């Protein structure tokens, strides 16, 4: 626990200096509040909260996790931490917890635009989605050799996870494919603000995506480690 808390404190200091990572946690919450309060047109209620929430889940935790791990691998910071007695899973837990807390803080800001009764469900779905996204980001960060490779692997995955729910709202063919992605099911659940809106299929998709992310994570860690 001491090592995990040390990693979290280290990430707090590093994130303040790392503007590209910091902006991931600020962009969508700020855009949500601005759009919800500044745009007054005939749209479904809380349209921008529901649209940006799935984009936030598919982008912020994934990009932040992959970027942090790949950057510290490239700069040999991880090697120094391992030599100092920090175990790989202590490091990964510390980074994951830190990013998840930041994501939940951003989600809480987005949730302020919703009725108070909807906030608990909204936060539950955002928390579950962020966990899956963190595992995918960690898998990319571990597997990639450097930051350049991380970016090339991360961008297409991020684009699919972030933008497929929005595109699925306007295209039935995309919706048929996107329904198997966890960010789409989070959007469906948040649209109806209840598990019944996603149904049994949506819950199964979330569980299947989480299981796949875990399998890929452990496969990448077993093959590459935190070298």
Protein backbone atom coordinates (compact mmCIF):
# COMPACT_ATOMS: atom_id res chain seq x y z
CA UNK A 1 0.00 0.00 0.00
CA UNK A 2 2.86 2.38 0.75
CA UNK A 3 4.32 1.84 -2.72
CA UNK A 4 0.90 2.31 -4.35
CA UNK A 5 0.35 5.60 -2.51
CA UNK A 6 3.82 6.72 -3.56
CA UNK A 7 2.99 5.99 -7.21
CA UNK A 8 -0.26 7.97 -6.89
CA UNK A 9 1.58 10.95 -5.40
CA UNK A 10 4.15 10.74 -8.20
CA UNK A 11 1.40 10.75 -10.83
CA UNK A 12 -0.22 13.81 -9.27
CA UNK A 13 3.04 15.74 -9.61
CA UNK A 14 3.66 14.46 -13.13
CA UNK A 15 0.16 15.20 -14.41
CA UNK A 16 0.40 18.85 -13.39
CA UNK A 17 3.46 19.11 -15.65
CA UNK A 18 2.06 16.89 -18.43
CA UNK A 19 -0.48 19.12 -20.16
CA UNK A 20 -1.52 16.61 -22.91
CA UNK A 21 -2.57 14.11 -20.22
CA UNK A 22 -4.17 16.75 -18.00
CA UNK A 23 -6.31 18.10 -20.83
CA UNK A 24 -7.91 14.66 -21.28
CA UNK A 25 -9.64 15.01 -17.91
CA UNK A 26 -10.72 18.62 -18.45
CA UNK A 27 -11.86 18.78 -22.06
CA UNK A 28 -15.12 16.82 -22.05
CA UNK A 29 -16.41 18.02 -18.64
CA UNK A 30 -15.83 21.63 -19.71
CA UNK A 31 -17.39 21.05 -23.15
CA UNK A 32 -20.40 19.39 -21.56
CA UNK A 33 -21.14 22.29 -19.23
CA UNK A 34 -20.56 24.89 -21.95
CA UNK A 35 -22.75 23.14 -24.53
CA UNK A 36 -25.54 22.32 -22.08
CA UNK A 37 -25.74 25.89 -20.81
CA UNK A 38 -24.85 27.91 -23.91
CA UNK A 39 -26.76 26.12 -26.68
CA UNK A 40 -30.52 26.59 -26.61
CA UNK A 41 -32.00 24.65 -29.52
CA UNK A 42 -34.63 21.96 -29.93
CA UNK A 43 -32.72 18.84 -28.87
CA UNK A 44 -33.43 15.86 -26.60
CA UNK A 45 -33.02 16.60 -22.91
CA UNK A 46 -29.41 16.46 -21.66
CA UNK A 47 -28.28 15.61 -25.18
CA UNK A 48 -24.70 16.79 -24.75
CA UNK A 49 -24.18 15.07 -21.38
CA UNK A 50 -25.28 11.76 -22.85
CA UNK A 51 -23.22 12.19 -26.02
CA UNK A 52 -19.99 13.40 -24.39
CA UNK A 53 -20.12 10.85 -21.55
CA UNK A 54 -19.47 7.87 -23.84
CA UNK A 55 -16.79 9.84 -25.70
CA UNK A 56 -15.13 10.68 -22.39
CA UNK A 57 -15.12 7.03 -21.33
CA UNK A 58 -13.62 5.90 -24.62
CA UNK A 59 -10.92 8.56 -24.74
CA UNK A 60 -9.67 10.00 -21.43
CA UNK A 61 -8.79 6.87 -19.38
CA UNK A 62 -7.43 5.00 -22.41
CA UNK A 63 -5.20 7.83 -23.63
CA UNK A 64 -3.99 8.78 -20.15
CA UNK A 65 -3.11 5.21 -19.13
CA UNK A 66 -1.35 4.31 -22.36
CA UNK A 67 0.55 7.63 -22.46
CA UNK A 68 1.75 7.45 -18.85
CA UNK A 69 2.99 3.86 -19.06
CA UNK A 70 4.69 4.27 -22.44
CA UNK A 71 6.35 7.55 -21.44
CA UNK A 72 7.77 6.11 -18.23
CA UNK A 73 8.98 3.01 -20.07
CA UNK A 74 10.75 5.13 -22.68
CA UNK A 75 12.36 7.40 -20.08
CA UNK A 76 13.44 4.36 -17.98
CA UNK A 77 11.47 5.71 -15.02
CA UNK A 78 9.84 2.30 -14.62
CA UNK A 79 13.20 0.57 -14.43
CA UNK A 80 14.26 2.90 -11.63
CA UNK A 81 11.00 2.22 -9.76
CA UNK A 82 11.46 -1.54 -10.12
CA UNK A 83 15.02 -1.25 -8.79
CA UNK A 84 13.67 0.76 -5.85
CA UNK A 85 11.45 -2.15 -4.86
CA UNK A 86 8.17 -1.23 -6.54
CA UNK A 87 6.49 -4.31 -7.98
CA UNK A 88 4.89 -4.15 -11.44
CA UNK A 89 1.36 -4.66 -10.15
CA UNK A 90 1.85 -2.05 -7.42
CA UNK A 91 2.77 0.41 -10.13
CA UNK A 92 -0.15 -0.56 -12.37
CA UNK A 93 -2.63 -0.40 -9.48
CA UNK A 94 -1.33 3.03 -8.45
CA UNK A 95 -1.61 4.43 -11.98
CA UNK A 96 -5.03 2.85 -12.56
CA UNK A 97 -6.51 4.09 -9.29
CA UNK A 98 -5.19 7.59 -9.91
CA UNK A 99 -6.62 7.76 -13.44
CA UNK A 100 -9.95 6.26 -12.34
CA UNK A 101 -10.35 8.85 -9.58
CA UNK A 102 -9.61 11.67 -12.02
CA UNK A 103 -12.11 10.22 -14.49
CA UNK A 104 -14.76 10.00 -11.80
CA UNK A 105 -14.09 13.60 -10.83
CA UNK A 106 -14.60 14.62 -14.45
CA UNK A 107 -17.75 12.48 -14.62
CA UNK A 108 -19.07 14.16 -11.48
CA UNK A 109 -18.64 17.55 -13.16
CA UNK A 110 -20.55 16.30 -16.20
CA UNK A 111 -23.23 14.85 -13.94
CA UNK A 112 -24.00 18.24 -12.39
CA UNK A 113 -26.11 18.98 -15.49
CA UNK A 114 -28.37 16.00 -14.70
CA UNK A 115 -31.22 15.70 -12.18
CA UNK A 116 -29.94 14.58 -8.78
CA UNK A 117 -31.85 11.29 -9.00
CA UNK A 118 -30.01 10.26 -12.17
CA UNK A 119 -26.51 10.98 -10.89
CA UNK A 120 -25.91 7.66 -8.99
CA UNK A 121 -26.73 5.55 -12.06
CA UNK A 122 -24.74 7.87 -14.31
CA UNK A 123 -21.67 7.63 -12.07
CA UNK A 124 -22.00 3.84 -11.85
CA UNK A 125 -21.98 3.46 -15.63
CA UNK A 126 -19.12 5.93 -16.03
CA UNK A 127 -17.07 4.14 -13.37
CA UNK A 128 -17.56 0.74 -15.00
CA UNK A 129 -16.72 2.08 -18.44
CA UNK A 130 -13.59 3.85 -17.22
CA UNK A 131 -12.29 0.64 -15.65
CA UNK A 132 -12.61 -1.21 -18.97
CA UNK A 133 -10.98 1.68 -20.82
CA UNK A 134 -8.10 1.80 -18.32
CA UNK A 135 -7.34 -1.89 -18.91
CA UNK A 136 -7.32 -1.35 -22.68
CA UNK A 137 -5.00 1.65 -22.28
CA UNK A 138 -2.69 -0.33 -19.99
CA UNK A 139 -2.58 -3.15 -22.55
CA UNK A 140 -1.50 -0.70 -25.28
CA UNK A 141 1.04 1.02 -23.02
CA UNK A 142 2.60 -2.29 -21.98
CA UNK A 143 2.69 -3.78 -25.48
CA UNK A 144 4.11 -0.70 -27.29
CA UNK A 145 7.87 -0.21 -27.39
CA UNK A 146 7.79 3.59 -27.19
CA UNK A 147 5.49 6.61 -27.27
CA UNK A 148 5.40 6.75 -31.06
CA UNK A 149 4.19 3.16 -31.32
CA UNK A 150 1.73 3.81 -28.49
CA UNK A 151 0.19 6.71 -30.40
CA UNK A 152 -0.14 4.68 -33.60
CA UNK A 153 -1.87 1.85 -31.70
CA UNK A 154 -3.92 4.09 -29.45
CA UNK A 155 -5.47 6.44 -32.01
CA UNK A 156 -7.56 3.94 -34.02
CA UNK A 157 -8.78 2.21 -30.85
CA UNK A 158 -9.67 5.55 -29.27
CA UNK A 159 -11.49 6.72 -32.41
CA UNK A 160 -13.61 3.56 -32.52
CA UNK A 161 -14.48 3.62 -28.82
CA UNK A 162 -15.15 7.37 -28.64
CA UNK A 163 -16.95 8.16 -31.87
CA UNK A 164 -18.85 4.98 -32.73
CA UNK A 165 -21.66 5.75 -30.22
CA UNK A 166 -22.18 9.19 -31.74
CA UNK A 167 -22.09 7.87 -35.33
CA UNK A 168 -24.41 5.02 -34.38
CA UNK A 169 -27.07 7.60 -33.50
CA UNK A 170 -27.20 8.67 -37.16
CA UNK A 171 -26.45 5.46 -39.06
CA UNK A 172 -28.21 2.11 -38.60
CA UNK A 173 -25.38 0.09 -40.15
CA UNK A 174 -22.84 1.57 -37.75
CA UNK A 175 -25.27 0.96 -34.88
CA UNK A 176 -25.44 -2.76 -35.70
CA UNK A 177 -21.65 -3.01 -35.37
CA UNK A 178 -21.27 -0.55 -32.49
CA UNK A 179 -23.75 -2.43 -30.29
CA UNK A 180 -20.98 -4.89 -29.44
CA UNK A 181 -18.74 -2.11 -28.01
CA UNK A 182 -19.01 -1.17 -24.35
CA UNK A 183 -19.08 2.58 -24.99
CA UNK A 184 -22.19 2.17 -27.16
CA UNK A 185 -23.95 0.21 -24.43
CA UNK A 186 -22.99 2.85 -21.88
CA UNK A 187 -24.55 5.48 -24.12
CA UNK A 188 -27.71 3.40 -24.51
CA UNK A 189 -27.95 2.90 -20.73
CA UNK A 190 -27.29 6.57 -20.01
CA UNK A 191 -29.84 7.64 -22.64
CA UNK A 192 -32.53 5.79 -20.72
CA UNK A 193 -30.93 6.27 -17.29
CA UNK A 194 -31.57 2.67 -16.33
CA UNK A 195 -30.31 -0.88 -16.92
CA UNK A 196 -33.63 -1.73 -18.53
CA UNK A 197 -32.81 0.60 -21.42
CA UNK A 198 -29.70 -1.44 -22.26
CA UNK A 199 -31.34 -4.74 -21.42
CA UNK A 200 -29.73 -8.10 -20.86
CA UNK A 201 -27.79 -7.81 -24.10
CA UNK A 202 -26.18 -4.54 -22.99
CA UNK A 203 -25.10 -6.01 -19.67
CA UNK A 204 -23.64 -9.05 -21.46
CA UNK A 205 -21.71 -6.77 -23.83
CA UNK A 206 -20.22 -4.85 -20.88
CA UNK A 207 -19.17 -8.09 -19.16
CA UNK A 208 -17.75 -9.54 -22.39
CA UNK A 209 -15.79 -6.36 -23.13
CA UNK A 210 -14.42 -6.30 -19.58
CA UNK A 211 -13.37 -9.96 -19.82
CA UNK A 212 -11.70 -9.38 -23.20
CA UNK A 213 -9.85 -6.31 -21.86
CA UNK A 214 -8.59 -8.35 -18.89
CA UNK A 215 -7.43 -11.21 -21.11
CA UNK A 216 -5.56 -8.84 -23.43
CA UNK A 217 -4.04 -7.01 -20.48
CA UNK A 218 -2.67 -10.16 -18.85
CA UNK A 219 -1.48 -11.49 -22.21
CA UNK A 220 0.43 -8.25 -22.90
CA UNK A 221 1.83 -8.17 -19.36
CA UNK A 222 2.93 -11.80 -19.52
CA UNK A 223 4.64 -11.28 -22.87
CA UNK A 224 6.22 -7.84 -22.36
CA UNK A 225 6.07 -7.03 -18.65
CA UNK A 226 7.15 -3.53 -17.68
CA UNK A 227 10.48 -3.72 -19.45
